């Protein structure tokens, strides 16, 4: 179980963000109380990825505020992007980057990196060059960097968008494992089958605002907001058996 200050609730209070004179997020408010995995869905341009970056502090808010937990203690976070960037070094060295400012000695850092690589199935390749990894292996490296940081909050921006089914299954397994260990996960995904398999609740964004939030099965099968209905009507159907229990 991951220990540390609780990340819940996650409060998004009237968020606003502008870039190049264009309003991207405006008046976005939501409160996430549920543990496990929350999916952010919506049409292209809805502001999902930007919202994730505002929560993480990677982008500056134009207005509003983000409050994680009680807002009194820093919350350890990790961000996994759709495409993983690596340095010209070994797989182990790339994972170790996540511990640069953590104050661990060489032995402790090595032990943590080895454990993380073992969890993602890359332990036997630790000394290989990271640049030689396939797309799926790159995302497993990214997940190892997240694991080694021991975050309370994991933010995922389309982490399996360009992966084949087998690689997608590997990443989904790791996401579930982190959620089951007590990490709060925010997942941006256009794959509604994936959302149904993983998420306990869904936050729907449209036109830079949060328009609906609720349990995954209810939102995907009986949406309440017209924007949600329009978005879902443009997507392919998915089997009800895919839903999490």
Foldseek 3Di string as FASTA:
>chain_A
DQDDAAQPWKWWAQWWDDDPNHTQAGGATDTRGDFFEEEEEADPSLCQVVVLCVQVVVDDTPDTDIATHPNPDDFFEAEQEQFADADFFFLLVRLLVLCPPVPDDPVVSSVLSLVLCVLLVCNVRRRPTLVPDDRLVRLSSSLSSRSSSSGLEYEYEANCVPHDPVSVVSVLVSSNVSSVVNRGYYHYHPPLLSCQQGPQKYFYGGSNYTDDIDGSVCCQPPNDDPSSVVRNVVDDDDDNVSHDD
